[in-house]
C-alpha atoms as a PDB file:
ATOM      1  CA  UNK A   1      -0.003   0.011   0.032  1.00  0.00           C
ATOM      2  CA  UNK A   2       1.176   3.426  -0.844  1.00  0.00           C
ATOM      3  CA  UNK A   3      -0.104   4.948   2.429  1.00  0.00           C
ATOM      4  CA  UNK A   4       2.034   2.518   4.484  1.00  0.00           C
ATOM      5  CA  UNK A   5       5.145   3.324   2.461  1.00  0.00           C
ATOM      6  CA  UNK A   6       4.601   7.053   2.759  1.00  0.00           C
ATOM      7  CA  UNK A   7       4.003   6.796   6.518  1.00  0.00           C
ATOM      8  CA  UNK A   8       7.208   4.733   6.878  1.00  0.00           C
ATOM      9  CA  UNK A   9       9.238   7.294   4.849  1.00  0.00           C
ATOM     10  CA  UNK A  10       7.747  10.124   6.949  1.00  0.00           C
ATOM     11  CA  UNK A  11       8.681   8.405  10.228  1.00  0.00           C
ATOM     12  CA  UNK A  12      12.183   7.827   8.872  1.00  0.00           C
ATOM     13  CA  UNK A  13      12.445  11.557   8.069  1.00  0.00           C
ATOM     14  CA  UNK A  14      11.384  12.357  11.682  1.00  0.00           C
ATOM     15  CA  UNK A  15      14.073   9.946  13.004  1.00  0.00           C
ATOM     16  CA  UNK A  16      16.679  11.495  10.750  1.00  0.00           C
ATOM     17  CA  UNK A  17      15.763  15.006  12.026  1.00  0.00           C
ATOM     18  CA  UNK A  18      15.974  13.806  15.640  1.00  0.00           C
ATOM     19  CA  UNK A  19      19.390  12.150  15.075  1.00  0.00           C
ATOM     20  CA  UNK A  20      20.818  15.103  13.193  1.00  0.00           C
ATOM     21  CA  UNK A  21      19.741  17.422  16.002  1.00  0.00           C
ATOM     22  CA  UNK A  22      22.327  15.719  18.287  1.00  0.00           C
ATOM     23  CA  UNK A  23      25.080  17.209  16.028  1.00  0.00           C
ATOM     24  CA  UNK A  24      23.778  20.754  15.989  1.00  0.00           C
ATOM     25  CA  UNK A  25      23.581  21.141  12.160  1.00  0.00           C
ATOM     26  CA  UNK A  26      23.351  24.490  10.498  1.00  0.00           C
ATOM     27  CA  UNK A  27      19.614  25.271  10.284  1.00  0.00           C
ATOM     28  CA  UNK A  28      20.120  27.215   7.053  1.00  0.00           C
ATOM     29  CA  UNK A  29      21.664  24.201   5.303  1.00  0.00           C
ATOM     30  CA  UNK A  30      19.399  22.996   2.400  1.00  0.00           C
ATOM     31  CA  UNK A  31      18.958  19.502   3.835  1.00  0.00           C
ATOM     32  CA  UNK A  32      17.967  20.817   7.293  1.00  0.00           C
ATOM     33  CA  UNK A  33      15.589  23.408   5.802  1.00  0.00           C
ATOM     34  CA  UNK A  34      13.862  20.716   3.769  1.00  0.00           C
ATOM     35  CA  UNK A  35      13.698  18.267   6.696  1.00  0.00           C
ATOM     36  CA  UNK A  36      12.296  20.973   8.976  1.00  0.00           C
ATOM     37  CA  UNK A  37       9.731  22.014   6.373  1.00  0.00           C
ATOM     38  CA  UNK A  38       8.608  18.420   5.936  1.00  0.00           C
ATOM     39  CA  UNK A  39       8.484  17.361   9.575  1.00  0.00           C
ATOM     40  CA  UNK A  40       7.306  20.526  11.383  1.00  0.00           C
ATOM     41  CA  UNK A  41       3.578  19.887  10.674  1.00  0.00           C
ATOM     42  CA  UNK A  42       3.745  16.689  12.755  1.00  0.00           C
ATOM     43  CA  UNK A  43       6.249  17.905  15.372  1.00  0.00           C
ATOM     44  CA  UNK A  44       5.076  21.498  16.191  1.00  0.00           C
ATOM     45  CA  UNK A  45       1.771  20.574  17.947  1.00  0.00           C
ATOM     46  CA  UNK A  46       3.584  18.246  20.320  1.00  0.00           C
ATOM     47  CA  UNK A  47       6.481  20.696  20.859  1.00  0.00           C
ATOM     48  CA  UNK A  48       3.868  23.163  22.034  1.00  0.00           C
ATOM     49  CA  UNK A  49       2.348  20.606  24.469  1.00  0.00           C
ATOM     50  CA  UNK A  50       5.676  19.154  25.700  1.00  0.00           C
ATOM     51  CA  UNK A  51       8.358  21.761  26.287  1.00  0.00           C
ATOM     52  CA  UNK A  52      11.963  20.522  26.029  1.00  0.00           C
ATOM     53  CA  UNK A  53      13.237  18.918  29.217  1.00  0.00           C
ATOM     54  CA  UNK A  54      16.495  20.500  30.500  1.00  0.00           C
ATOM     55  CA  UNK A  55      19.265  18.178  31.634  1.00  0.00           C
ATOM     56  CA  UNK A  56      20.588  19.297  35.066  1.00  0.00           C
ATOM     57  CA  UNK A  57      24.062  20.749  35.053  1.00  0.00           C
ATOM     58  CA  UNK A  58      24.162  21.236  31.265  1.00  0.00           C
ATOM     59  CA  UNK A  59      22.880  23.616  28.686  1.00  0.00           C
ATOM     60  CA  UNK A  60      21.143  20.720  26.876  1.00  0.00           C
ATOM     61  CA  UNK A  61      17.401  20.147  26.486  1.00  0.00           C
ATOM     62  CA  UNK A  62      15.687  17.038  25.280  1.00  0.00           C
ATOM     63  CA  UNK A  63      12.765  17.404  22.840  1.00  0.00           C
ATOM     64  CA  UNK A  64      10.286  14.566  23.340  1.00  0.00           C
ATOM     65  CA  UNK A  65       8.027  15.485  20.381  1.00  0.00           C
ATOM     66  CA  UNK A  66       9.783  13.138  17.956  1.00  0.00           C
ATOM     67  CA  UNK A  67       9.358  10.264  20.395  1.00  0.00           C
ATOM     68  CA  UNK A  68       5.644  10.933  20.720  1.00  0.00           C
ATOM     69  CA  UNK A  69       5.160  11.295  16.920  1.00  0.00           C
ATOM     70  CA  UNK A  70       7.145   8.050  16.343  1.00  0.00           C
ATOM     71  CA  UNK A  71       5.048   6.217  18.880  1.00  0.00           C
ATOM     72  CA  UNK A  72       1.834   7.424  17.302  1.00  0.00           C
ATOM     73  CA  UNK A  73       3.197   6.664  13.833  1.00  0.00           C
ATOM     74  CA  UNK A  74       4.132   3.088  14.869  1.00  0.00           C
ATOM     75  CA  UNK A  75       0.676   2.642  16.335  1.00  0.00           C
ATOM     76  CA  UNK A  76      -0.878   3.837  13.009  1.00  0.00           C
ATOM     77  CA  UNK A  77       1.358   1.478  11.000  1.00  0.00           C
ATOM     78  CA  UNK A  78       0.130  -1.405  13.178  1.00  0.00           C
ATOM     79  CA  UNK A  79      -3.535  -0.396  12.761  1.00  0.00           C
ATOM     80  CA  UNK A  80      -3.294   0.157   8.981  1.00  0.00           C
ATOM     81  CA  UNK A  81      -1.739  -3.388   8.357  1.00  0.00           C
END
């Protein structure tokens, strides 16, 4: 099914964005701009609901929105099959 394949690709894009965020890529780079443009519609609502969690003693914050979207996407994949 095309819908399954598109959902899998979209979830891979969200994972890619989450992994790349660990390396602090340049947000103006073409790949990051495209990735942000494609994944923001799914991530932004959850980023508004779940603010990033600061790690004590560091200047680092963890964004849980990709985890939530991946869990929901995985659930959808299981239901569609």
